[in-house]
């Protein structure tokens, strides 16, 4: 089993764009390179063979609107969601990691 944690801002995979007639621009190229450089130190000396299973966890900072105001500004509102429900969605976040 290989387990590691990389502190990197959760980034969704951006779609490649066709710039000119046959030139494809990948807007996620720099982010992918940065991510790969952070993960490379955890790579095993021999490539893994066979089926793989991955558990990926993403952590987001809570927006200011989830917190109360005034002297209770450190407490969450009762209506604040427990899970991330906004953009980016889990599909695009996992695509970035798995590609």
PDB file of N, CA and C in Angstrom:
ATOM      1  N   UNK A   1       0.848  -1.176   0.000  1.00  0.00           N
ATOM      2  CA  UNK A   1       0.000   0.000   0.000  1.00  0.00           C
ATOM      3  C   UNK A   1       0.893   1.239   0.000  1.00  0.00           C
ATOM      4  N   UNK A   2       0.511   2.186  -0.814  1.00  0.00           N
ATOM      5  CA  UNK A   2       1.235   3.447  -0.936  1.00  0.00           C
ATOM      6  C   UNK A   2       0.302   4.556  -0.480  1.00  0.00           C
ATOM      7  N   UNK A   3       0.714   5.322   0.524  1.00  0.00           N
ATOM      8  CA  UNK A   3      -0.137   6.383   1.066  1.00  0.00           C
ATOM      9  C   UNK A   3       0.696   7.646   1.201  1.00  0.00           C
ATOM     10  N   UNK A   4       0.154   8.761   0.687  1.00  0.00           N
ATOM     11  CA  UNK A   4       0.847  10.037   0.834  1.00  0.00           C
ATOM     12  C   UNK A   4      -0.136  11.186   0.744  1.00  0.00           C
ATOM     13  N   UNK A   5       0.308  12.345   1.194  1.00  0.00           N
ATOM     14  CA  UNK A   5      -0.513  13.554   1.191  1.00  0.00           C
ATOM     15  C   UNK A   5       0.277  14.660   0.504  1.00  0.00           C
ATOM     16  N   UNK A   6      -0.388  15.354  -0.413  1.00  0.00           N
ATOM     17  CA  UNK A   6       0.232  16.469  -1.117  1.00  0.00           C
ATOM     18  C   UNK A   6      -0.596  17.712  -0.841  1.00  0.00           C
ATOM     19  N   UNK A   7       0.036  18.745  -0.335  1.00  0.00           N
ATOM     20  CA  UNK A   7      -0.664  20.002  -0.075  1.00  0.00           C
ATOM     21  C   UNK A   7      -0.639  20.845  -1.347  1.00  0.00           C
ATOM     22  N   UNK A   8      -1.748  20.792  -2.070  1.00  0.00           N
ATOM     23  CA  UNK A   8      -1.889  21.516  -3.330  1.00  0.00           C
ATOM     24  C   UNK A   8      -3.337  21.955  -3.437  1.00  0.00           C
ATOM     25  N   UNK A   9      -3.560  23.153  -3.891  1.00  0.00           N
ATOM     26  CA  UNK A   9      -4.927  23.668  -3.996  1.00  0.00           C
ATOM     27  C   UNK A   9      -5.754  22.772  -4.930  1.00  0.00           C
ATOM     28  N   UNK A  10      -6.939  22.322  -4.505  1.00  0.00           N
ATOM     29  CA  UNK A  10      -7.770  21.499  -5.390  1.00  0.00           C
ATOM     30  C   UNK A  10      -8.053  22.229  -6.697  1.00  0.00           C
ATOM     31  N   UNK A  11      -7.642  21.610  -7.792  1.00  0.00           N
ATOM     32  CA  UNK A  11      -7.722  22.242  -9.110  1.00  0.00           C
ATOM     33  C   UNK A  11      -8.524  21.353 -10.048  1.00  0.00           C
ATOM     34  N   UNK A  12      -9.545  21.888 -10.712  1.00  0.00           N
ATOM     35  CA  UNK A  12     -10.267  21.082 -11.694  1.00  0.00           C
ATOM     36  C   UNK A  12      -9.489  21.008 -13.005  1.00  0.00           C
ATOM     37  N   UNK A  13      -9.722  19.957 -13.758  1.00  0.00           N
ATOM     38  CA  UNK A  13      -9.105  19.829 -15.071  1.00  0.00           C
ATOM     39  C   UNK A  13      -9.826  20.760 -16.033  1.00  0.00           C
ATOM     40  N   UNK A  14      -9.058  21.589 -16.727  1.00  0.00           N
ATOM     41  CA  UNK A  14      -9.638  22.505 -17.711  1.00  0.00           C
ATOM     42  C   UNK A  14      -9.600  21.848 -19.075  1.00  0.00           C
ATOM     43  N   UNK A  15     -10.584  22.118 -19.890  1.00  0.00           N
ATOM     44  CA  UNK A  15     -10.664  21.510 -21.214  1.00  0.00           C
ATOM     45  C   UNK A  15      -9.620  22.089 -22.156  1.00  0.00           C
ATOM     46  N   UNK A  16      -9.010  21.222 -22.987  1.00  0.00           N
ATOM     47  CA  UNK A  16      -8.073  21.738 -23.998  1.00  0.00           C
ATOM     48  C   UNK A  16      -8.816  22.618 -25.015  1.00  0.00           C
ATOM     49  N   UNK A  17      -8.142  23.633 -25.521  1.00  0.00           N
ATOM     50  CA  UNK A  17      -8.744  24.580 -26.464  1.00  0.00           C
ATOM     51  C   UNK A  17      -8.040  24.498 -27.805  1.00  0.00           C
ATOM     52  N   UNK A  18      -8.814  24.623 -28.869  1.00  0.00           N
ATOM     53  CA  UNK A  18      -8.272  24.698 -30.212  1.00  0.00           C
ATOM     54  C   UNK A  18      -8.015  26.172 -30.508  1.00  0.00           C
ATOM     55  N   UNK A  19      -6.729  26.550 -30.621  1.00  0.00           N
ATOM     56  CA  UNK A  19      -6.374  27.957 -30.769  1.00  0.00           C
ATOM     57  C   UNK A  19      -6.418  28.378 -32.227  1.00  0.00           C
ATOM     58  N   UNK A  20      -5.640  27.699 -33.055  1.00  0.00           N
ATOM     59  CA  UNK A  20      -5.644  27.998 -34.493  1.00  0.00           C
ATOM     60  C   UNK A  20      -6.103  26.751 -35.209  1.00  0.00           C
ATOM     61  N   UNK A  21      -5.784  26.661 -36.479  1.00  0.00           N
ATOM     62  CA  UNK A  21      -6.297  25.554 -37.276  1.00  0.00           C
ATOM     63  C   UNK A  21      -5.964  24.180 -36.683  1.00  0.00           C
ATOM     64  N   UNK A  22      -4.719  23.941 -36.292  1.00  0.00           N
ATOM     65  CA  UNK A  22      -4.354  22.621 -35.762  1.00  0.00           C
ATOM     66  C   UNK A  22      -3.561  22.709 -34.466  1.00  0.00           C
ATOM     67  N   UNK A  23      -3.630  23.822 -33.759  1.00  0.00           N
ATOM     68  CA  UNK A  23      -2.878  23.989 -32.525  1.00  0.00           C
ATOM     69  C   UNK A  23      -3.829  23.838 -31.342  1.00  0.00           C
ATOM     70  N   UNK A  24      -3.494  22.888 -30.463  1.00  0.00           N
ATOM     71  CA  UNK A  24      -4.313  22.641 -29.276  1.00  0.00           C
ATOM     72  C   UNK A  24      -3.568  23.189 -28.070  1.00  0.00           C
ATOM     73  N   UNK A  25      -4.256  24.015 -27.293  1.00  0.00           N
ATOM     74  CA  UNK A  25      -3.689  24.624 -26.096  1.00  0.00           C
ATOM     75  C   UNK A  25      -4.283  23.944 -24.868  1.00  0.00           C
ATOM     76  N   UNK A  26      -3.427  23.492 -23.965  1.00  0.00           N
ATOM     77  CA  UNK A  26      -3.877  22.858 -22.732  1.00  0.00           C
ATOM     78  C   UNK A  26      -3.734  23.850 -21.577  1.00  0.00           C
ATOM     79  N   UNK A  27      -4.829  24.455 -21.096  1.00  0.00           N
ATOM     80  CA  UNK A  27      -4.731  25.447 -20.020  1.00  0.00           C
ATOM     81  C   UNK A  27      -4.308  24.853 -18.675  1.00  0.00           C
ATOM     82  N   UNK A  28      -4.375  23.541 -18.508  1.00  0.00           N
ATOM     83  CA  UNK A  28      -3.987  22.910 -17.247  1.00  0.00           C
ATOM     84  C   UNK A  28      -2.531  22.442 -17.249  1.00  0.00           C
ATOM     85  N   UNK A  29      -1.797  22.723 -18.289  1.00  0.00           N
ATOM     86  CA  UNK A  29      -0.445  22.183 -18.433  1.00  0.00           C
ATOM     87  C   UNK A  29       0.470  22.569 -17.271  1.00  0.00           C
ATOM     88  N   UNK A  30       0.481  23.839 -16.886  1.00  0.00           N
ATOM     89  CA  UNK A  30       1.353  24.294 -15.793  1.00  0.00           C
ATOM     90  C   UNK A  30       0.926  23.671 -14.466  1.00  0.00           C
ATOM     91  N   UNK A  31      -0.386  23.622 -14.223  1.00  0.00           N
ATOM     92  CA  UNK A  31      -0.879  23.011 -12.984  1.00  0.00           C
ATOM     93  C   UNK A  31      -0.518  21.527 -12.911  1.00  0.00           C
ATOM     94  N   UNK A  32      -0.646  20.812 -14.034  1.00  0.00           N
ATOM     95  CA  UNK A  32      -0.285  19.396 -14.068  1.00  0.00           C
ATOM     96  C   UNK A  32       1.194  19.199 -13.760  1.00  0.00           C
ATOM     97  N   UNK A  33       2.024  20.066 -14.323  1.00  0.00           N
ATOM     98  CA  UNK A  33       3.469  19.969 -14.101  1.00  0.00           C
ATOM     99  C   UNK A  33       3.808  20.207 -12.628  1.00  0.00           C
ATOM    100  N   UNK A  34       3.197  21.219 -12.028  1.00  0.00           N
ATOM    101  CA  UNK A  34       3.425  21.509 -10.605  1.00  0.00           C
ATOM    102  C   UNK A  34       2.980  20.331  -9.731  1.00  0.00           C
ATOM    103  N   UNK A  35       1.809  19.781 -10.025  1.00  0.00           N
ATOM    104  CA  UNK A  35       1.270  18.652  -9.274  1.00  0.00           C
ATOM    105  C   UNK A  35       2.205  17.446  -9.387  1.00  0.00           C
ATOM    106  N   UNK A  36       2.662  17.162 -10.595  1.00  0.00           N
ATOM    107  CA  UNK A  36       3.537  16.011 -10.816  1.00  0.00           C
ATOM    108  C   UNK A  36       4.862  16.168 -10.078  1.00  0.00           C
ATOM    109  N   UNK A  37       5.408  17.370 -10.060  1.00  0.00           N
ATOM    110  CA  UNK A  37       6.661  17.605  -9.336  1.00  0.00           C
ATOM    111  C   UNK A  37       6.500  17.384  -7.837  1.00  0.00           C
ATOM    112  N   UNK A  38       5.353  17.731  -7.276  1.00  0.00           N
ATOM    113  CA  UNK A  38       5.108  17.498  -5.847  1.00  0.00           C
ATOM    114  C   UNK A  38       4.925  16.012  -5.539  1.00  0.00           C
ATOM    115  N   UNK A  39       4.336  15.264  -6.454  1.00  0.00           N
ATOM    116  CA  UNK A  39       4.054  13.843  -6.233  1.00  0.00           C
ATOM    117  C   UNK A  39       5.239  12.945  -6.557  1.00  0.00           C
ATOM    118  N   UNK A  40       6.136  13.415  -7.370  1.00  0.00           N
ATOM    119  CA  UNK A  40       7.234  12.577  -7.853  1.00  0.00           C
ATOM    120  C   UNK A  40       8.082  11.996  -6.719  1.00  0.00           C
ATOM    121  N   UNK A  41       8.235  12.714  -5.625  1.00  0.00           N
ATOM    122  CA  UNK A  41       9.071  12.218  -4.523  1.00  0.00           C
ATOM    123  C   UNK A  41       8.449  11.022  -3.807  1.00  0.00           C
ATOM    124  N   UNK A  42       7.145  10.772  -4.002  1.00  0.00           N
ATOM    125  CA  UNK A  42       6.466   9.636  -3.390  1.00  0.00           C
ATOM    126  C   UNK A  42       6.386   8.431  -4.324  1.00  0.00           C
ATOM    127  N   UNK A  43       6.902   8.562  -5.538  1.00  0.00           N
ATOM    128  CA  UNK A  43       6.808   7.481  -6.521  1.00  0.00           C
ATOM    129  C   UNK A  43       7.649   6.282  -6.076  1.00  0.00           C
ATOM    130  N   UNK A  44       7.116   5.065  -6.228  1.00  0.00           N
ATOM    131  CA  UNK A  44       7.900   3.882  -5.871  1.00  0.00           C
ATOM    132  C   UNK A  44       9.026   3.670  -6.887  1.00  0.00           C
ATOM    133  N   UNK A  45      10.098   2.999  -6.487  1.00  0.00           N
ATOM    134  CA  UNK A  45      11.225   2.797  -7.405  1.00  0.00           C
ATOM    135  C   UNK A  45      10.854   1.938  -8.616  1.00  0.00           C
ATOM    136  N   UNK A  46       9.897   1.028  -8.429  1.00  0.00           N
ATOM    137  CA  UNK A  46       9.437   0.171  -9.526  1.00  0.00           C
ATOM    138  C   UNK A  46       7.981   0.540  -9.822  1.00  0.00           C
ATOM    139  N   UNK A  47       7.627   0.728 -11.105  1.00  0.00           N
ATOM    140  CA  UNK A  47       6.229   1.073 -11.422  1.00  0.00           C
ATOM    141  C   UNK A  47       5.248   0.011 -10.912  1.00  0.00           C
ATOM    142  N   UNK A  48       4.092   0.461 -10.465  1.00  0.00           N
ATOM    143  CA  UNK A  48       3.057  -0.448  -9.954  1.00  0.00           C
ATOM    144  C   UNK A  48       2.432  -1.219 -11.119  1.00  0.00           C
ATOM    145  N   UNK A  49       2.128  -2.478 -10.895  1.00  0.00           N
ATOM    146  CA  UNK A  49       1.515  -3.316 -11.923  1.00  0.00           C
ATOM    147  C   UNK A  49       0.180  -3.841 -11.399  1.00  0.00           C
ATOM    148  N   UNK A  50      -0.748  -4.057 -12.305  1.00  0.00           N
ATOM    149  CA  UNK A  50      -2.041  -4.611 -11.928  1.00  0.00           C
ATOM    150  C   UNK A  50      -3.056  -3.529 -11.640  1.00  0.00           C
ATOM    151  N   UNK A  51      -4.245  -3.935 -11.212  1.00  0.00           N
ATOM    152  CA  UNK A  51      -5.294  -2.960 -10.917  1.00  0.00           C
ATOM    153  C   UNK A  51      -4.936  -2.103  -9.701  1.00  0.00           C
ATOM    154  N   UNK A  52      -5.374  -0.860  -9.745  1.00  0.00           N
ATOM    155  CA  UNK A  52      -5.104   0.090  -8.667  1.00  0.00           C
ATOM    156  C   UNK A  52      -6.407   0.615  -8.102  1.00  0.00           C
ATOM    157  N   UNK A  53      -6.390   0.951  -6.831  1.00  0.00           N
ATOM    158  CA  UNK A  53      -7.534   1.615  -6.200  1.00  0.00           C
ATOM    159  C   UNK A  53      -7.009   2.880  -5.549  1.00  0.00           C
ATOM    160  N   UNK A  54      -7.725   3.976  -5.762  1.00  0.00           N
ATOM    161  CA  UNK A  54      -7.305   5.253  -5.199  1.00  0.00           C
ATOM    162  C   UNK A  54      -8.411   5.829  -4.339  1.00  0.00           C
ATOM    163  N   UNK A  55      -8.031   6.362  -3.202  1.00  0.00           N
ATOM    164  CA  UNK A  55      -8.932   7.146  -2.355  1.00  0.00           C
ATOM    165  C   UNK A  55      -8.374   8.560  -2.345  1.00  0.00           C
ATOM    166  N   UNK A  56      -9.149   9.498  -2.818  1.00  0.00           N
ATOM    167  CA  UNK A  56      -8.699  10.883  -2.931  1.00  0.00           C
ATOM    168  C   UNK A  56      -9.580  11.751  -2.043  1.00  0.00           C
ATOM    169  N   UNK A  57      -8.964  12.603  -1.253  1.00  0.00           N
ATOM    170  CA  UNK A  57      -9.704  13.543  -0.414  1.00  0.00           C
ATOM    171  C   UNK A  57      -9.280  14.957  -0.780  1.00  0.00           C
ATOM    172  N   UNK A  58     -10.257  15.826  -0.961  1.00  0.00           N
ATOM    173  CA  UNK A  58     -10.002  17.230  -1.263  1.00  0.00           C
ATOM    174  C   UNK A  58     -10.500  18.065  -0.082  1.00  0.00           C
ATOM    175  N   UNK A  59      -9.731  19.053   0.299  1.00  0.00           N
ATOM    176  CA  UNK A  59     -10.110  19.938   1.394  1.00  0.00           C
ATOM    177  C   UNK A  59     -10.209  21.361   0.878  1.00  0.00           C
ATOM    178  N   UNK A  60     -11.308  22.016   1.213  1.00  0.00           N
ATOM    179  CA  UNK A  60     -11.549  23.392   0.806  1.00  0.00           C
ATOM    180  C   UNK A  60     -11.712  24.267   2.038  1.00  0.00           C
ATOM    181  N   UNK A  61     -11.255  25.500   1.932  1.00  0.00           N
ATOM    182  CA  UNK A  61     -11.509  26.467   3.002  1.00  0.00           C
ATOM    183  C   UNK A  61     -12.977  26.877   2.936  1.00  0.00           C
ATOM    184  N   UNK A  62     -13.570  27.082   4.088  1.00  0.00           N
ATOM    185  CA  UNK A  62     -14.965  27.518   4.099  1.00  0.00           C
ATOM    186  C   UNK A  62     -15.052  28.988   3.712  1.00  0.00           C
ATOM    187  N   UNK A  63     -16.074  29.366   2.926  1.00  0.00           N
ATOM    188  CA  UNK A  63     -16.257  30.780   2.604  1.00  0.00           C
ATOM    189  C   UNK A  63     -16.728  31.562   3.834  1.00  0.00           C
ATOM    190  N   UNK A  64     -16.526  32.868   3.794  1.00  0.00           N
ATOM    191  CA  UNK A  64     -16.922  33.731   4.920  1.00  0.00           C
ATOM    192  C   UNK A  64     -18.413  33.647   5.221  1.00  0.00           C
ATOM    193  N   UNK A  65     -19.216  33.416   4.201  1.00  0.00           N
ATOM    194  CA  UNK A  65     -20.674  33.415   4.401  1.00  0.00           C
ATOM    195  C   UNK A  65     -21.144  32.223   5.240  1.00  0.00           C
ATOM    196  N   UNK A  66     -20.277  31.233   5.504  1.00  0.00           N
ATOM    197  CA  UNK A  66     -20.658  30.105   6.355  1.00  0.00           C
ATOM    198  C   UNK A  66     -20.554  30.437   7.840  1.00  0.00           C
ATOM    199  N   UNK A  67     -19.883  31.538   8.155  1.00  0.00           N
ATOM    200  CA  UNK A  67     -19.653  31.897   9.549  1.00  0.00           C
ATOM    201  C   UNK A  67     -20.613  32.988  10.011  1.00  0.00           C
ATOM    202  N   UNK A  68     -20.863  33.003  11.308  1.00  0.00           N
ATOM    203  CA  UNK A  68     -21.699  34.045  11.891  1.00  0.00           C
ATOM    204  C   UNK A  68     -20.919  35.347  11.967  1.00  0.00           C
ATOM    205  N   UNK A  69     -21.573  36.408  12.431  1.00  0.00           N
ATOM    206  CA  UNK A  69     -20.925  37.712  12.518  1.00  0.00           C
ATOM    207  C   UNK A  69     -20.848  38.170  13.973  1.00  0.00           C
ATOM    208  N   UNK A  70     -20.137  39.264  14.172  1.00  0.00           N
ATOM    209  CA  UNK A  70     -20.042  39.843  15.515  1.00  0.00           C
ATOM    210  C   UNK A  70     -19.156  39.030  16.438  1.00  0.00           C
ATOM    211  N   UNK A  71     -19.562  38.949  17.691  1.00  0.00           N
ATOM    212  CA  UNK A  71     -18.726  38.238  18.666  1.00  0.00           C
ATOM    213  C   UNK A  71     -18.755  36.719  18.455  1.00  0.00           C
ATOM    214  N   UNK A  72     -19.667  36.220  17.624  1.00  0.00           N
ATOM    215  CA  UNK A  72     -19.739  34.798  17.297  1.00  0.00           C
ATOM    216  C   UNK A  72     -19.129  34.488  15.929  1.00  0.00           C
ATOM    217  N   UNK A  73     -18.227  35.341  15.482  1.00  0.00           N
ATOM    218  CA  UNK A  73     -17.686  35.207  14.128  1.00  0.00           C
ATOM    219  C   UNK A  73     -16.861  33.941  13.914  1.00  0.00           C
ATOM    220  N   UNK A  74     -16.480  33.259  14.965  1.00  0.00           N
ATOM    221  CA  UNK A  74     -15.714  32.003  14.838  1.00  0.00           C
ATOM    222  C   UNK A  74     -16.623  30.781  14.712  1.00  0.00           C
ATOM    223  N   UNK A  75     -17.921  30.960  14.925  1.00  0.00           N
ATOM    224  CA  UNK A  75     -18.863  29.841  14.876  1.00  0.00           C
ATOM    225  C   UNK A  75     -19.529  29.747  13.517  1.00  0.00           C
ATOM    226  N   UNK A  76     -19.846  28.507  13.135  1.00  0.00           N
ATOM    227  CA  UNK A  76     -20.554  28.282  11.870  1.00  0.00           C
ATOM    228  C   UNK A  76     -22.040  28.581  12.036  1.00  0.00           C
ATOM    229  N   UNK A  77     -22.668  29.025  10.956  1.00  0.00           N
ATOM    230  CA  UNK A  77     -24.115  29.198  10.949  1.00  0.00           C
ATOM    231  C   UNK A  77     -24.772  27.823  10.959  1.00  0.00           C
ATOM    232  N   UNK A  78     -25.980  27.757  11.435  1.00  0.00           N
ATOM    233  CA  UNK A  78     -26.719  26.491  11.450  1.00  0.00           C
ATOM    234  C   UNK A  78     -27.042  26.035  10.029  1.00  0.00           C
ATOM    235  N   UNK A  79     -27.124  26.968   9.090  1.00  0.00           N
ATOM    236  CA  UNK A  79     -27.471  26.639   7.708  1.00  0.00           C
ATOM    237  C   UNK A  79     -26.253  26.315   6.844  1.00  0.00           C
ATOM    238  N   UNK A  80     -25.045  26.387   7.397  1.00  0.00           N
ATOM    239  CA  UNK A  80     -23.829  26.109   6.617  1.00  0.00           C
ATOM    240  C   UNK A  80     -23.787  24.627   6.238  1.00  0.00           C
ATOM    241  N   UNK A  81     -23.535  24.313   4.959  1.00  0.00           N
ATOM    242  CA  UNK A  81     -23.490  22.908   4.553  1.00  0.00           C
ATOM    243  C   UNK A  81     -22.285  22.181   5.155  1.00  0.00           C
ATOM    244  N   UNK A  82     -22.417  20.876   5.324  1.00  0.00           N
ATOM    245  CA  UNK A  82     -21.330  20.065   5.889  1.00  0.00           C
ATOM    246  C   UNK A  82     -20.365  19.584   4.811  1.00  0.00           C
ATOM    247  N   UNK A  83     -20.837  19.534   3.571  1.00  0.00           N
ATOM    248  CA  UNK A  83     -19.986  19.077   2.471  1.00  0.00           C
ATOM    249  C   UNK A  83     -19.894  20.163   1.409  1.00  0.00           C
ATOM    250  N   UNK A  84     -18.881  20.059   0.557  1.00  0.00           N
ATOM    251  CA  UNK A  84     -18.670  21.033  -0.519  1.00  0.00           C
ATOM    252  C   UNK A  84     -19.734  20.815  -1.598  1.00  0.00           C
ATOM    253  N   UNK A  85     -20.506  21.850  -1.911  1.00  0.00           N
ATOM    254  CA  UNK A  85     -21.601  21.698  -2.870  1.00  0.00           C
ATOM    255  C   UNK A  85     -21.462  22.605  -4.083  1.00  0.00           C
ATOM    256  N   UNK A  86     -20.437  23.435  -4.133  1.00  0.00           N
ATOM    257  CA  UNK A  86     -20.281  24.388  -5.240  1.00  0.00           C
ATOM    258  C   UNK A  86     -19.247  23.886  -6.241  1.00  0.00           C
ATOM    259  N   UNK A  87     -18.944  24.738  -7.209  1.00  0.00           N
ATOM    260  CA  UNK A  87     -17.909  24.432  -8.183  1.00  0.00           C
ATOM    261  C   UNK A  87     -16.564  24.472  -7.488  1.00  0.00           C
ATOM    262  N   UNK A  88     -15.578  23.730  -7.862  1.00  0.00           N
ATOM    263  CA  UNK A  88     -15.561  22.699  -8.902  1.00  0.00           C
ATOM    264  C   UNK A  88     -16.151  21.383  -8.380  1.00  0.00           C
ATOM    265  N   UNK A  89     -16.688  20.600  -9.291  1.00  0.00           N
ATOM    266  CA  UNK A  89     -17.303  19.343  -8.885  1.00  0.00           C
ATOM    267  C   UNK A  89     -16.249  18.238  -8.781  1.00  0.00           C
ATOM    268  N   UNK A  90     -16.608  17.166  -8.133  1.00  0.00           N
ATOM    269  CA  UNK A  90     -15.676  16.072  -7.840  1.00  0.00           C
ATOM    270  C   UNK A  90     -15.165  15.401  -9.107  1.00  0.00           C
ATOM    271  N   UNK A  91     -15.975  15.378 -10.148  1.00  0.00           N
ATOM    272  CA  UNK A  91     -15.574  14.729 -11.393  1.00  0.00           C
ATOM    273  C   UNK A  91     -14.359  15.426 -12.011  1.00  0.00           C
ATOM    274  N   UNK A  92     -14.404  16.746 -12.105  1.00  0.00           N
ATOM    275  CA  UNK A  92     -13.283  17.477 -12.698  1.00  0.00           C
ATOM    276  C   UNK A  92     -12.063  17.501 -11.786  1.00  0.00           C
ATOM    277  N   UNK A  93     -12.272  17.479 -10.477  1.00  0.00           N
ATOM    278  CA  UNK A  93     -11.139  17.420  -9.550  1.00  0.00           C
ATOM    279  C   UNK A  93     -10.409  16.083  -9.664  1.00  0.00           C
ATOM    280  N   UNK A  94     -11.159  15.001  -9.724  1.00  0.00           N
ATOM    281  CA  UNK A  94     -10.521  13.680  -9.827  1.00  0.00           C
ATOM    282  C   UNK A  94      -9.888  13.482 -11.200  1.00  0.00           C
ATOM    283  N   UNK A  95     -10.471  14.028 -12.255  1.00  0.00           N
ATOM    284  CA  UNK A  95      -9.862  13.934 -13.582  1.00  0.00           C
ATOM    285  C   UNK A  95      -8.477  14.555 -13.600  1.00  0.00           C
ATOM    286  N   UNK A  96      -8.320  15.679 -12.925  1.00  0.00           N
ATOM    287  CA  UNK A  96      -7.023  16.346 -12.873  1.00  0.00           C
ATOM    288  C   UNK A  96      -5.976  15.437 -12.234  1.00  0.00           C
ATOM    289  N   UNK A  97      -6.334  14.770 -11.155  1.00  0.00           N
ATOM    290  CA  UNK A  97      -5.397  13.892 -10.451  1.00  0.00           C
ATOM    291  C   UNK A  97      -5.112  12.635 -11.257  1.00  0.00           C
ATOM    292  N   UNK A  98      -6.133  12.031 -11.806  1.00  0.00           N
ATOM    293  CA  UNK A  98      -5.979  10.739 -12.466  1.00  0.00           C
ATOM    294  C   UNK A  98      -5.381  10.840 -13.869  1.00  0.00           C
ATOM    295  N   UNK A  99      -5.508  11.983 -14.510  1.00  0.00           N
ATOM    296  CA  UNK A  99      -4.898  12.140 -15.845  1.00  0.00           C
ATOM    297  C   UNK A  99      -3.428  12.393 -15.694  1.00  0.00           C
TER     298      UNK A  99
END
